[in-house]
Amino acid sequence: MCFSAVSSFGAAAVLLPAGAVSMYRAREVDRKYLAICTLPFLFGLQQLIEGINWIAGGRGHAGLVDQLSLAYMFFSFFAWPVWVPFSVYFLEPNHRRPIYVVFSIFGGMLGASQYFPYLAHDDWLTTTFLPSAISYGGKELLDLVIGRVPTYTIYLFLVLAPLLMSSDKSARVFGLLVAAVATVTYFFFSYAYVSVFCFGGAVMSLYLVVFIFKKETSRTAA
């Protein structure tokens, strides 16, 4: 199987320690990279949650699956469109930073509209365990307004544009890697797009670990 409890736990086992060490490395080398180098650790947490979700689903613990799915979707719908532009903010010169504040604000607005209705409507988020993936589906508030495809298009824009527009080469490279994941997910894994996209993003975040360990110490690092 391509995706399973083993793959999720395996990703978490790599990303959590690698992310923690990369955060420490960024703090020592150049603190402006600390926020973006937190991403591997956060992806690791999300993958750990999904690994536990696989086990809970396999054992028929429906209530636990609901709680774990809510935790997983917090990262997917709310954390990523806020944290990604927030992390790039620190890489930009002062005159460009307001752009990334705007991205984070709009990311937070979109994420809140997608995620918080799940807390009020227990039946809106549905979790389906497929042979090689988990499908997180159900209703979304913006389905009633603009539809699912435009919503996800805006979501991808708010996640990818801050990276691809960055003046920092490492952020642009990471953005290209995530864009590749989004493209592959759209064409081959649309039946489980949330899970597969986040797993692919988690794997690609290892680039940030490699980058920060190759980077020489900045003279301006505090």
N, C-alpha and C. Protein backbone atom coordinates (compact mmCIF):
# COMPACT_ATOMS: atom_id res chain seq x y z
N MET A 1 0.84 -1.19 0.00
CA MET A 1 0.00 0.00 0.00
C MET A 1 0.87 1.25 0.00
N CYS A 2 0.42 2.25 -0.72
CA CYS A 2 1.17 3.51 -0.78
C CYS A 2 1.10 4.29 0.52
N PHE A 3 -0.08 4.31 1.12
CA PHE A 3 -0.26 5.09 2.32
C PHE A 3 -0.98 4.24 3.36
N SER A 4 -0.47 4.28 4.57
CA SER A 4 -0.98 3.41 5.63
C SER A 4 -0.50 3.95 6.96
N ALA A 5 -0.86 3.24 8.03
CA ALA A 5 -0.36 3.62 9.35
C ALA A 5 1.16 3.58 9.36
N VAL A 6 1.73 2.61 8.69
CA VAL A 6 3.19 2.47 8.66
C VAL A 6 3.83 3.68 7.99
N SER A 7 3.27 4.12 6.86
CA SER A 7 3.85 5.27 6.16
C SER A 7 3.69 6.55 6.97
N SER A 8 2.55 6.71 7.63
CA SER A 8 2.33 7.91 8.45
C SER A 8 3.26 7.92 9.66
N PHE A 9 3.36 6.79 10.34
CA PHE A 9 4.26 6.70 11.49
C PHE A 9 5.72 6.83 11.05
N GLY A 10 6.03 6.28 9.88
CA GLY A 10 7.39 6.40 9.37
C GLY A 10 7.76 7.84 9.08
N ALA A 11 6.81 8.57 8.45
CA ALA A 11 7.05 9.99 8.18
C ALA A 11 7.22 10.76 9.48
N ALA A 12 6.37 10.45 10.47
CA ALA A 12 6.46 11.15 11.76
C ALA A 12 7.78 10.85 12.45
N ALA A 13 8.22 9.59 12.36
CA ALA A 13 9.46 9.19 13.03
C ALA A 13 10.67 9.92 12.45
N VAL A 14 10.60 10.27 11.18
CA VAL A 14 11.68 11.02 10.54
C VAL A 14 11.54 12.51 10.79
N LEU A 15 10.32 13.02 10.60
CA LEU A 15 10.11 14.46 10.60
C LEU A 15 10.17 15.09 11.99
N LEU A 16 9.69 14.39 13.00
CA LEU A 16 9.68 15.00 14.34
C LEU A 16 11.10 15.28 14.85
N PRO A 17 11.99 14.29 14.86
CA PRO A 17 13.35 14.62 15.31
C PRO A 17 14.10 15.50 14.32
N ALA A 18 13.92 15.26 13.02
CA ALA A 18 14.61 16.09 12.02
C ALA A 18 14.12 17.53 12.10
N GLY A 19 12.82 17.70 12.31
CA GLY A 19 12.28 19.04 12.43
C GLY A 19 12.78 19.75 13.68
N ALA A 20 12.84 19.01 14.79
CA ALA A 20 13.32 19.61 16.04
C ALA A 20 14.78 20.05 15.90
N VAL A 21 15.58 19.21 15.27
CA VAL A 21 17.00 19.54 15.10
C VAL A 21 17.16 20.69 14.11
N SER A 22 16.34 20.72 13.07
CA SER A 22 16.44 21.81 12.09
C SER A 22 16.03 23.14 12.71
N MET A 23 15.06 23.11 13.64
CA MET A 23 14.69 24.33 14.36
C MET A 23 15.88 24.83 15.20
N TYR A 24 16.54 23.91 15.86
CA TYR A 24 17.71 24.28 16.66
C TYR A 24 18.82 24.83 15.75
N ARG A 25 19.02 24.16 14.61
CA ARG A 25 20.04 24.60 13.66
C ARG A 25 19.73 26.00 13.13
N ALA A 26 18.45 26.26 12.80
CA ALA A 26 18.06 27.57 12.30
C ALA A 26 18.30 28.64 13.36
N ARG A 27 18.01 28.31 14.60
CA ARG A 27 18.24 29.26 15.69
C ARG A 27 19.72 29.62 15.81
N GLU A 28 20.59 28.65 15.55
CA GLU A 28 22.01 28.89 15.66
C GLU A 28 22.60 29.53 14.41
N VAL A 29 22.05 29.20 13.25
CA VAL A 29 22.62 29.65 11.98
C VAL A 29 22.06 31.00 11.55
N ASP A 30 20.74 31.10 11.48
CA ASP A 30 20.10 32.33 11.02
C ASP A 30 18.64 32.28 11.47
N ARG A 31 18.30 33.08 12.45
CA ARG A 31 16.99 32.96 13.08
C ARG A 31 15.83 33.33 12.18
N LYS A 32 16.09 34.01 11.08
CA LYS A 32 14.98 34.33 10.20
C LYS A 32 14.39 33.07 9.56
N TYR A 33 15.14 31.96 9.58
CA TYR A 33 14.65 30.69 9.03
C TYR A 33 13.96 29.81 10.07
N LEU A 34 13.88 30.29 11.30
CA LEU A 34 13.33 29.45 12.37
C LEU A 34 11.87 29.08 12.11
N ALA A 35 11.06 30.04 11.69
CA ALA A 35 9.64 29.76 11.47
C ALA A 35 9.42 28.75 10.35
N ILE A 36 10.11 28.93 9.23
CA ILE A 36 9.90 28.01 8.11
C ILE A 36 10.49 26.63 8.41
N CYS A 37 11.55 26.60 9.23
CA CYS A 37 12.14 25.31 9.60
C CYS A 37 11.35 24.60 10.69
N THR A 38 10.30 25.25 11.18
CA THR A 38 9.36 24.59 12.09
C THR A 38 8.41 23.69 11.31
N LEU A 39 8.25 23.93 10.02
CA LEU A 39 7.29 23.17 9.21
C LEU A 39 7.51 21.66 9.25
N PRO A 40 8.74 21.14 9.11
CA PRO A 40 8.90 19.68 9.18
C PRO A 40 8.39 19.09 10.48
N PHE A 41 8.64 19.77 11.60
CA PHE A 41 8.15 19.27 12.89
C PHE A 41 6.63 19.27 12.93
N LEU A 42 6.01 20.35 12.43
CA LEU A 42 4.55 20.42 12.43
C LEU A 42 3.95 19.37 11.50
N PHE A 43 4.57 19.17 10.35
CA PHE A 43 4.12 18.10 9.46
C PHE A 43 4.25 16.74 10.15
N GLY A 44 5.31 16.58 10.93
CA GLY A 44 5.49 15.33 11.66
C GLY A 44 4.37 15.09 12.64
N LEU A 45 3.95 16.13 13.34
CA LEU A 45 2.83 16.01 14.27
C LEU A 45 1.56 15.59 13.53
N GLN A 46 1.32 16.20 12.38
CA GLN A 46 0.13 15.86 11.61
C GLN A 46 0.17 14.41 11.14
N GLN A 47 1.34 13.95 10.72
CA GLN A 47 1.46 12.56 10.28
C GLN A 47 1.31 11.58 11.45
N LEU A 48 1.78 11.98 12.62
CA LEU A 48 1.58 11.14 13.81
C LEU A 48 0.10 10.99 14.12
N ILE A 49 -0.63 12.10 14.01
CA ILE A 49 -2.08 12.05 14.23
C ILE A 49 -2.75 11.12 13.23
N GLU A 50 -2.33 11.19 11.97
CA GLU A 50 -2.95 10.33 10.98
C GLU A 50 -2.59 8.86 11.20
N GLY A 51 -1.38 8.60 11.65
CA GLY A 51 -1.01 7.22 11.95
C GLY A 51 -1.89 6.64 13.04
N ILE A 52 -2.13 7.42 14.10
CA ILE A 52 -3.01 6.97 15.16
C ILE A 52 -4.43 6.80 14.65
N ASN A 53 -4.82 7.69 13.72
CA ASN A 53 -6.16 7.60 13.13
C ASN A 53 -6.35 6.30 12.37
N TRP A 54 -5.31 5.89 11.64
CA TRP A 54 -5.37 4.59 10.95
C TRP A 54 -5.68 3.47 11.94
N ILE A 55 -5.00 3.48 13.05
CA ILE A 55 -5.19 2.42 14.04
C ILE A 55 -6.59 2.50 14.65
N ALA A 56 -7.02 3.72 14.99
CA ALA A 56 -8.34 3.90 15.58
C ALA A 56 -9.43 3.44 14.62
N GLY A 57 -9.28 3.77 13.34
CA GLY A 57 -10.26 3.35 12.35
C GLY A 57 -10.29 1.84 12.18
N GLY A 58 -9.10 1.23 12.20
CA GLY A 58 -9.02 -0.22 12.05
C GLY A 58 -9.66 -0.96 13.21
N ARG A 59 -9.68 -0.33 14.37
CA ARG A 59 -10.26 -0.97 15.56
C ARG A 59 -11.69 -0.52 15.82
N GLY A 60 -12.23 0.29 14.92
CA GLY A 60 -13.62 0.69 15.03
C GLY A 60 -13.93 1.70 16.11
N HIS A 61 -12.95 2.51 16.50
CA HIS A 61 -13.17 3.54 17.52
C HIS A 61 -13.66 4.82 16.85
N ALA A 62 -14.95 4.86 16.55
CA ALA A 62 -15.51 5.97 15.77
C ALA A 62 -15.33 7.32 16.46
N GLY A 63 -15.56 7.37 17.77
CA GLY A 63 -15.43 8.63 18.48
C GLY A 63 -14.01 9.16 18.43
N LEU A 64 -13.03 8.28 18.59
CA LEU A 64 -11.63 8.70 18.53
C LEU A 64 -11.26 9.14 17.12
N VAL A 65 -11.80 8.45 16.12
CA VAL A 65 -11.55 8.84 14.73
C VAL A 65 -12.05 10.27 14.49
N ASP A 66 -13.22 10.59 15.02
CA ASP A 66 -13.76 11.94 14.85
C ASP A 66 -12.82 12.99 15.46
N GLN A 67 -12.33 12.71 16.66
CA GLN A 67 -11.45 13.68 17.33
C GLN A 67 -10.11 13.81 16.61
N LEU A 68 -9.55 12.70 16.19
CA LEU A 68 -8.28 12.72 15.48
C LEU A 68 -8.41 13.41 14.12
N SER A 69 -9.54 13.19 13.47
CA SER A 69 -9.77 13.82 12.17
C SER A 69 -9.88 15.33 12.32
N LEU A 70 -10.53 15.78 13.40
CA LEU A 70 -10.60 17.21 13.66
C LEU A 70 -9.21 17.80 13.89
N ALA A 71 -8.39 17.07 14.64
CA ALA A 71 -7.02 17.54 14.89
C ALA A 71 -6.22 17.58 13.58
N TYR A 72 -6.39 16.57 12.76
CA TYR A 72 -5.68 16.51 11.48
C TYR A 72 -6.09 17.68 10.58
N MET A 73 -7.40 17.93 10.51
CA MET A 73 -7.90 18.97 9.63
C MET A 73 -7.56 20.37 10.14
N PHE A 74 -7.28 20.51 11.44
CA PHE A 74 -6.80 21.80 11.95
C PHE A 74 -5.52 22.20 11.23
N PHE A 75 -4.61 21.23 11.08
CA PHE A 75 -3.38 21.51 10.33
C PHE A 75 -3.70 21.79 8.87
N SER A 76 -4.51 20.93 8.26
CA SER A 76 -4.76 21.01 6.82
C SER A 76 -5.45 22.31 6.42
N PHE A 77 -6.52 22.65 7.13
CA PHE A 77 -7.34 23.78 6.72
C PHE A 77 -6.96 25.10 7.38
N PHE A 78 -6.43 25.05 8.59
CA PHE A 78 -6.22 26.29 9.32
C PHE A 78 -4.74 26.64 9.47
N ALA A 79 -3.93 25.67 9.90
CA ALA A 79 -2.53 25.99 10.21
C ALA A 79 -1.72 26.33 8.96
N TRP A 80 -1.84 25.53 7.91
CA TRP A 80 -0.95 25.73 6.76
C TRP A 80 -1.15 27.06 6.06
N PRO A 81 -2.39 27.50 5.76
CA PRO A 81 -2.52 28.79 5.06
C PRO A 81 -2.18 30.00 5.93
N VAL A 82 -2.03 29.78 7.23
CA VAL A 82 -1.59 30.86 8.11
C VAL A 82 -0.08 30.80 8.33
N TRP A 83 0.42 29.61 8.67
CA TRP A 83 1.82 29.48 9.06
C TRP A 83 2.78 29.65 7.88
N VAL A 84 2.40 29.17 6.71
CA VAL A 84 3.31 29.27 5.57
C VAL A 84 3.63 30.73 5.23
N PRO A 85 2.64 31.58 4.98
CA PRO A 85 3.01 32.99 4.72
C PRO A 85 3.65 33.68 5.92
N PHE A 86 3.23 33.29 7.13
CA PHE A 86 3.84 33.86 8.34
C PHE A 86 5.32 33.52 8.39
N SER A 87 5.67 32.30 8.02
CA SER A 87 7.07 31.88 8.07
C SER A 87 7.91 32.57 7.00
N VAL A 88 7.32 32.84 5.84
CA VAL A 88 8.04 33.51 4.76
C VAL A 88 8.22 35.00 5.09
N TYR A 89 7.32 35.54 5.88
CA TYR A 89 7.39 36.95 6.31
C TYR A 89 8.79 37.30 6.81
N PHE A 90 9.40 36.43 7.59
CA PHE A 90 10.69 36.72 8.21
C PHE A 90 11.85 36.65 7.21
N LEU A 91 11.60 36.07 6.05
CA LEU A 91 12.65 35.95 5.04
C LEU A 91 12.69 37.16 4.12
N GLU A 92 11.69 38.02 4.21
CA GLU A 92 11.54 39.11 3.25
C GLU A 92 12.09 40.43 3.79
N PRO A 93 12.53 41.32 2.89
CA PRO A 93 12.90 42.67 3.32
C PRO A 93 11.67 43.42 3.83
N ASN A 94 11.89 44.45 4.60
CA ASN A 94 10.79 45.14 5.28
C ASN A 94 9.71 45.63 4.33
N HIS A 95 10.08 46.10 3.15
CA HIS A 95 9.07 46.68 2.26
C HIS A 95 8.14 45.62 1.67
N ARG A 96 8.53 44.33 1.73
CA ARG A 96 7.69 43.26 1.20
C ARG A 96 6.86 42.56 2.29
N ARG A 97 7.20 42.79 3.53
CA ARG A 97 6.55 42.05 4.61
C ARG A 97 5.04 42.28 4.72
N PRO A 98 4.53 43.49 4.46
CA PRO A 98 3.07 43.67 4.54
C PRO A 98 2.29 42.72 3.63
N ILE A 99 2.88 42.33 2.50
CA ILE A 99 2.22 41.40 1.60
C ILE A 99 1.95 40.08 2.32
N TYR A 100 2.90 39.64 3.11
CA TYR A 100 2.78 38.34 3.78
C TYR A 100 1.87 38.42 4.99
N VAL A 101 1.76 39.60 5.58
CA VAL A 101 0.75 39.79 6.63
C VAL A 101 -0.65 39.61 6.03
N VAL A 102 -0.85 40.19 4.84
CA VAL A 102 -2.14 40.07 4.16
C VAL A 102 -2.43 38.61 3.82
N PHE A 103 -1.42 37.90 3.31
CA PHE A 103 -1.60 36.49 3.01
C PHE A 103 -2.01 35.71 4.27
N SER A 104 -1.36 35.96 5.38
CA SER A 104 -1.69 35.25 6.62
C SER A 104 -3.10 35.57 7.09
N ILE A 105 -3.49 36.83 6.97
CA ILE A 105 -4.84 37.22 7.39
C ILE A 105 -5.89 36.51 6.55
N PHE A 106 -5.71 36.54 5.23
CA PHE A 106 -6.68 35.87 4.36
C PHE A 106 -6.63 34.36 4.54
N GLY A 107 -5.43 33.82 4.79
CA GLY A 107 -5.33 32.39 5.08
C GLY A 107 -6.09 32.03 6.33
N GLY A 108 -5.98 32.88 7.35
CA GLY A 108 -6.72 32.64 8.58
C GLY A 108 -8.22 32.73 8.38
N MET A 109 -8.66 33.68 7.56
CA MET A 109 -10.10 33.83 7.29
C MET A 109 -10.63 32.61 6.54
N LEU A 110 -9.88 32.17 5.51
CA LEU A 110 -10.32 30.99 4.76
C LEU A 110 -10.29 29.76 5.65
N GLY A 111 -9.20 29.59 6.41
CA GLY A 111 -9.09 28.42 7.27
C GLY A 111 -10.18 28.38 8.32
N ALA A 112 -10.50 29.52 8.90
CA ALA A 112 -11.56 29.56 9.90
C ALA A 112 -12.90 29.18 9.29
N SER A 113 -13.16 29.66 8.08
CA SER A 113 -14.44 29.35 7.43
C SER A 113 -14.54 27.88 7.07
N GLN A 114 -13.39 27.23 6.83
CA GLN A 114 -13.39 25.81 6.50
C GLN A 114 -13.42 24.93 7.75
N TYR A 115 -12.67 25.34 8.77
CA TYR A 115 -12.47 24.44 9.92
C TYR A 115 -13.50 24.60 11.02
N PHE A 116 -13.79 25.81 11.45
CA PHE A 116 -14.60 26.00 12.64
C PHE A 116 -16.04 25.49 12.52
N PRO A 117 -16.65 25.48 11.32
CA PRO A 117 -17.97 24.86 11.23
C PRO A 117 -17.98 23.39 11.64
N TYR A 118 -16.84 22.70 11.50
CA TYR A 118 -16.77 21.31 11.94
C TYR A 118 -17.01 21.18 13.44
N LEU A 119 -16.63 22.20 14.19
CA LEU A 119 -16.79 22.16 15.64
C LEU A 119 -18.25 22.33 16.03
N ALA A 120 -19.02 22.96 15.16
CA ALA A 120 -20.44 23.19 15.46
C ALA A 120 -21.35 22.14 14.85
N HIS A 121 -20.85 21.46 13.82
CA HIS A 121 -21.68 20.45 13.13
C HIS A 121 -20.92 19.13 13.12
N ASP A 122 -21.29 18.24 14.00
CA ASP A 122 -20.57 16.97 14.16
C ASP A 122 -20.60 16.11 12.91
N ASP A 123 -21.63 16.26 12.11
CA ASP A 123 -21.80 15.37 10.96
C ASP A 123 -21.21 15.94 9.67
N TRP A 124 -20.59 17.11 9.73
CA TRP A 124 -20.05 17.71 8.51
C TRP A 124 -18.75 17.06 8.05
N LEU A 125 -17.92 16.64 8.98
CA LEU A 125 -16.64 16.01 8.61
C LEU A 125 -16.80 14.50 8.63
N THR A 126 -16.55 13.89 7.49
CA THR A 126 -16.63 12.43 7.38
C THR A 126 -15.25 11.87 7.03
N THR A 127 -14.91 10.77 7.67
CA THR A 127 -13.60 10.15 7.45
C THR A 127 -13.81 8.74 6.92
N THR A 128 -13.26 8.48 5.73
CA THR A 128 -13.42 7.18 5.08
C THR A 128 -12.05 6.54 4.91
N PHE A 129 -11.93 5.31 5.38
CA PHE A 129 -10.66 4.59 5.28
C PHE A 129 -10.67 3.74 4.01
N LEU A 130 -9.84 4.14 3.07
CA LEU A 130 -9.69 3.44 1.80
C LEU A 130 -8.53 2.46 1.91
N PRO A 131 -8.36 1.55 0.94
CA PRO A 131 -7.26 0.58 1.03
C PRO A 131 -5.88 1.21 1.14
N SER A 132 -5.67 2.40 0.54
CA SER A 132 -4.33 2.98 0.56
C SER A 132 -4.33 4.48 0.89
N ALA A 133 -5.38 4.96 1.52
CA ALA A 133 -5.44 6.38 1.87
C ALA A 133 -6.64 6.61 2.78
N ILE A 134 -6.63 7.76 3.43
CA ILE A 134 -7.79 8.20 4.19
C ILE A 134 -8.41 9.38 3.46
N SER A 135 -9.72 9.31 3.27
CA SER A 135 -10.44 10.38 2.61
C SER A 135 -11.18 11.21 3.65
N TYR A 136 -10.79 12.48 3.77
CA TYR A 136 -11.48 13.40 4.66
C TYR A 136 -12.44 14.21 3.80
N GLY A 137 -13.73 14.02 4.02
CA GLY A 137 -14.70 14.68 3.17
C GLY A 137 -15.85 15.26 3.97
N GLY A 138 -17.00 15.36 3.31
CA GLY A 138 -18.17 15.90 3.97
C GLY A 138 -18.51 17.29 3.48
N LYS A 139 -19.21 18.05 4.31
CA LYS A 139 -19.66 19.38 3.94
C LYS A 139 -18.63 20.44 4.34
N GLU A 140 -18.61 21.53 3.59
CA GLU A 140 -17.82 22.70 3.95
C GLU A 140 -18.69 23.93 3.77
N LEU A 141 -18.50 24.91 4.63
CA LEU A 141 -19.35 26.09 4.62
C LEU A 141 -19.35 26.78 3.25
N LEU A 142 -18.18 26.89 2.63
CA LEU A 142 -18.08 27.62 1.37
C LEU A 142 -18.64 26.85 0.19
N ASP A 143 -19.01 25.57 0.40
CA ASP A 143 -19.71 24.83 -0.65
C ASP A 143 -21.00 25.54 -1.02
N LEU A 144 -21.59 26.21 -0.04
CA LEU A 144 -22.86 26.90 -0.24
C LEU A 144 -22.69 28.26 -0.89
N VAL A 145 -21.45 28.72 -0.98
CA VAL A 145 -21.20 30.08 -1.46
C VAL A 145 -20.51 30.07 -2.83
N ILE A 146 -19.31 29.47 -2.90
CA ILE A 146 -18.56 29.51 -4.17
C ILE A 146 -18.25 28.11 -4.71
N GLY A 147 -18.46 27.08 -3.92
CA GLY A 147 -18.20 25.72 -4.40
C GLY A 147 -16.83 25.21 -3.97
N ARG A 148 -16.64 23.90 -4.06
CA ARG A 148 -15.43 23.25 -3.56
C ARG A 148 -14.19 23.57 -4.40
N VAL A 149 -14.30 23.52 -5.71
CA VAL A 149 -13.13 23.74 -6.56
C VAL A 149 -12.58 25.16 -6.40
N PRO A 150 -13.41 26.21 -6.47
CA PRO A 150 -12.87 27.55 -6.23
C PRO A 150 -12.28 27.71 -4.82
N THR A 151 -12.90 27.06 -3.82
CA THR A 151 -12.37 27.15 -2.46
C THR A 151 -10.97 26.58 -2.38
N TYR A 152 -10.77 25.40 -2.97
CA TYR A 152 -9.45 24.76 -2.90
C TYR A 152 -8.44 25.47 -3.78
N THR A 153 -8.91 26.10 -4.86
CA THR A 153 -8.00 26.89 -5.70
C THR A 153 -7.47 28.09 -4.91
N ILE A 154 -8.35 28.75 -4.19
CA ILE A 154 -7.93 29.88 -3.35
C ILE A 154 -6.99 29.40 -2.25
N TYR A 155 -7.31 28.25 -1.67
CA TYR A 155 -6.47 27.68 -0.63
C TYR A 155 -5.05 27.44 -1.14
N LEU A 156 -4.93 26.80 -2.30
CA LEU A 156 -3.61 26.53 -2.86
C LEU A 156 -2.87 27.82 -3.17
N PHE A 157 -3.60 28.82 -3.66
CA PHE A 157 -2.97 30.10 -3.94
C PHE A 157 -2.39 30.71 -2.67
N LEU A 158 -3.14 30.67 -1.58
CA LEU A 158 -2.70 31.27 -0.33
C LEU A 158 -1.53 30.52 0.30
N VAL A 159 -1.38 29.23 -0.04
CA VAL A 159 -0.26 28.44 0.47
C VAL A 159 0.96 28.56 -0.44
N LEU A 160 0.73 28.46 -1.75
CA LEU A 160 1.84 28.41 -2.70
C LEU A 160 2.39 29.78 -3.07
N ALA A 161 1.53 30.76 -3.27
CA ALA A 161 1.99 32.07 -3.73
C ALA A 161 3.02 32.71 -2.81
N PRO A 162 2.84 32.67 -1.48
CA PRO A 162 3.88 33.27 -0.62
C PRO A 162 5.24 32.64 -0.80
N LEU A 163 5.27 31.33 -1.05
CA LEU A 163 6.54 30.64 -1.27
C LEU A 163 7.14 31.00 -2.63
N LEU A 164 6.31 30.92 -3.67
CA LEU A 164 6.81 31.14 -5.02
C LEU A 164 7.17 32.60 -5.28
N MET A 165 6.55 33.52 -4.55
CA MET A 165 6.83 34.95 -4.71
C MET A 165 8.00 35.42 -3.84
N SER A 166 8.50 34.56 -2.99
CA SER A 166 9.51 34.97 -2.02
C SER A 166 10.80 35.41 -2.71
N SER A 167 11.48 36.34 -2.08
CA SER A 167 12.80 36.76 -2.56
C SER A 167 13.88 35.78 -2.13
N ASP A 168 13.51 34.81 -1.28
CA ASP A 168 14.46 33.82 -0.78
C ASP A 168 14.40 32.56 -1.65
N LYS A 169 15.55 32.13 -2.16
CA LYS A 169 15.59 30.99 -3.08
C LYS A 169 15.09 29.71 -2.43
N SER A 170 15.44 29.47 -1.17
CA SER A 170 15.03 28.23 -0.51
C SER A 170 13.51 28.14 -0.39
N ALA A 171 12.85 29.26 -0.12
CA ALA A 171 11.39 29.27 -0.05
C ALA A 171 10.78 28.98 -1.42
N ARG A 172 11.38 29.54 -2.47
CA ARG A 172 10.86 29.30 -3.83
C ARG A 172 11.02 27.84 -4.22
N VAL A 173 12.14 27.25 -3.89
CA VAL A 173 12.36 25.83 -4.21
C VAL A 173 11.34 24.97 -3.47
N PHE A 174 11.15 25.25 -2.19
CA PHE A 174 10.15 24.50 -1.43
C PHE A 174 8.76 24.69 -2.03
N GLY A 175 8.46 25.91 -2.48
CA GLY A 175 7.18 26.16 -3.12
C GLY A 175 7.00 25.34 -4.39
N LEU A 176 8.05 25.22 -5.18
CA LEU A 176 7.98 24.41 -6.39
C LEU A 176 7.75 22.94 -6.06
N LEU A 177 8.39 22.45 -5.02
CA LEU A 177 8.20 21.06 -4.61
C LEU A 177 6.76 20.81 -4.16
N VAL A 178 6.21 21.74 -3.40
CA VAL A 178 4.83 21.60 -2.94
C VAL A 178 3.86 21.73 -4.12
N ALA A 179 4.16 22.61 -5.06
CA ALA A 179 3.33 22.75 -6.25
C ALA A 179 3.32 21.44 -7.05
N ALA A 180 4.46 20.77 -7.13
CA ALA A 180 4.53 19.48 -7.81
C ALA A 180 3.65 18.45 -7.11
N VAL A 181 3.69 18.46 -5.78
CA VAL A 181 2.84 17.55 -5.01
C VAL A 181 1.37 17.84 -5.29
N ALA A 182 0.99 19.12 -5.30
CA ALA A 182 -0.40 19.49 -5.56
C ALA A 182 -0.85 19.01 -6.94
N THR A 183 0.05 19.12 -7.93
CA THR A 183 -0.29 18.70 -9.29
C THR A 183 -0.49 17.19 -9.36
N VAL A 184 0.42 16.44 -8.79
CA VAL A 184 0.31 14.98 -8.79
C VAL A 184 -0.94 14.54 -8.04
N THR A 185 -1.20 15.19 -6.90
CA THR A 185 -2.39 14.84 -6.12
C THR A 185 -3.66 15.09 -6.91
N TYR A 186 -3.71 16.21 -7.61
CA TYR A 186 -4.91 16.55 -8.39
C TYR A 186 -5.19 15.51 -9.48
N PHE A 187 -4.15 15.08 -10.18
CA PHE A 187 -4.35 14.19 -11.32
C PHE A 187 -4.47 12.71 -10.93
N PHE A 188 -3.87 12.31 -9.83
CA PHE A 188 -3.82 10.88 -9.52
C PHE A 188 -4.46 10.48 -8.19
N PHE A 189 -4.64 11.44 -7.28
CA PHE A 189 -5.16 11.08 -5.95
C PHE A 189 -6.28 12.00 -5.51
N SER A 190 -7.13 12.41 -6.45
CA SER A 190 -8.20 13.34 -6.11
C SER A 190 -9.20 12.75 -5.13
N TYR A 191 -9.25 11.42 -5.07
CA TYR A 191 -10.19 10.75 -4.16
C TYR A 191 -9.78 10.91 -2.70
N ALA A 192 -8.55 11.30 -2.45
CA ALA A 192 -8.07 11.50 -1.07
C ALA A 192 -7.11 12.68 -1.06
N TYR A 193 -7.51 13.78 -1.67
CA TYR A 193 -6.61 14.91 -1.92
C TYR A 193 -6.02 15.51 -0.65
N VAL A 194 -6.82 15.64 0.41
CA VAL A 194 -6.32 16.27 1.62
C VAL A 194 -5.19 15.44 2.23
N SER A 195 -5.44 14.15 2.39
CA SER A 195 -4.45 13.27 3.02
C SER A 195 -3.18 13.16 2.19
N VAL A 196 -3.34 12.95 0.89
CA VAL A 196 -2.19 12.74 0.02
C VAL A 196 -1.38 14.04 -0.13
N PHE A 197 -2.08 15.17 -0.28
CA PHE A 197 -1.38 16.45 -0.42
C PHE A 197 -0.56 16.75 0.83
N CYS A 198 -1.13 16.51 2.00
CA CYS A 198 -0.41 16.79 3.25
C CYS A 198 0.75 15.82 3.44
N PHE A 199 0.56 14.56 3.06
CA PHE A 199 1.66 13.60 3.16
C PHE A 199 2.80 14.01 2.22
N GLY A 200 2.45 14.39 1.00
CA GLY A 200 3.47 14.83 0.06
C GLY A 200 4.18 16.08 0.53
N GLY A 201 3.41 17.02 1.08
CA GLY A 201 4.03 18.23 1.62
C GLY A 201 4.97 17.92 2.76
N ALA A 202 4.57 16.93 3.58
CA ALA A 202 5.42 16.53 4.70
C ALA A 202 6.75 15.98 4.20
N VAL A 203 6.69 15.13 3.19
CA VAL A 203 7.92 14.55 2.63
C VAL A 203 8.80 15.65 2.03
N MET A 204 8.17 16.58 1.30
CA MET A 204 8.94 17.65 0.66
C MET A 204 9.55 18.60 1.68
N SER A 205 8.97 18.68 2.88
CA SER A 205 9.53 19.58 3.90
C SER A 205 10.91 19.13 4.37
N LEU A 206 11.28 17.90 4.03
CA LEU A 206 12.64 17.44 4.36
C LEU A 206 13.67 18.29 3.62
N TYR A 207 13.27 18.90 2.51
CA TYR A 207 14.17 19.82 1.81
C TYR A 207 14.64 20.93 2.75
N LEU A 208 13.73 21.42 3.60
CA LEU A 208 14.08 22.50 4.52
C LEU A 208 15.11 22.05 5.54
N VAL A 209 15.02 20.78 5.93
CA VAL A 209 16.01 20.22 6.87
C VAL A 209 17.38 20.19 6.21
N VAL A 210 17.41 19.68 4.98
CA VAL A 210 18.68 19.61 4.25
C VAL A 210 19.25 21.01 4.02
N PHE A 211 18.38 21.93 3.62
CA PHE A 211 18.83 23.29 3.34
C PHE A 211 19.49 23.94 4.56
N ILE A 212 18.82 23.87 5.70
CA ILE A 212 19.33 24.59 6.86
C ILE A 212 20.63 24.00 7.37
N PHE A 213 20.84 22.69 7.12
CA PHE A 213 22.10 22.09 7.55
C PHE A 213 23.23 22.39 6.59
N LYS A 214 22.90 22.78 5.37
CA LYS A 214 23.93 23.16 4.41
C LYS A 214 24.28 24.64 4.50
N LYS A 215 23.39 25.40 5.11
CA LYS A 215 23.58 26.85 5.15
C LYS A 215 24.67 27.23 6.14
N GLU A 216 25.51 28.13 5.73
CA GLU A 216 26.57 28.62 6.61
C GLU A 216 25.98 29.60 7.61
N THR A 217 26.64 29.73 8.74
CA THR A 217 26.18 30.64 9.80
C THR A 217 26.17 32.07 9.31
N SER A 218 25.03 32.74 9.54
CA SER A 218 24.90 34.15 9.15
C SER A 218 25.63 35.03 10.13
N ARG A 219 26.31 36.05 9.64
CA ARG A 219 27.01 36.98 10.51
C ARG A 219 26.03 37.81 11.33
N THR A 220 24.78 37.89 10.82
CA THR A 220 23.79 38.71 11.53
C THR A 220 22.93 37.92 12.47
N ALA A 221 23.14 36.58 12.51
CA ALA A 221 22.33 35.76 13.41
C ALA A 221 22.63 36.12 14.84
N ALA A 222 21.55 36.31 15.63
CA ALA A 222 21.73 36.72 17.03
C ALA A 222 22.05 35.52 17.89
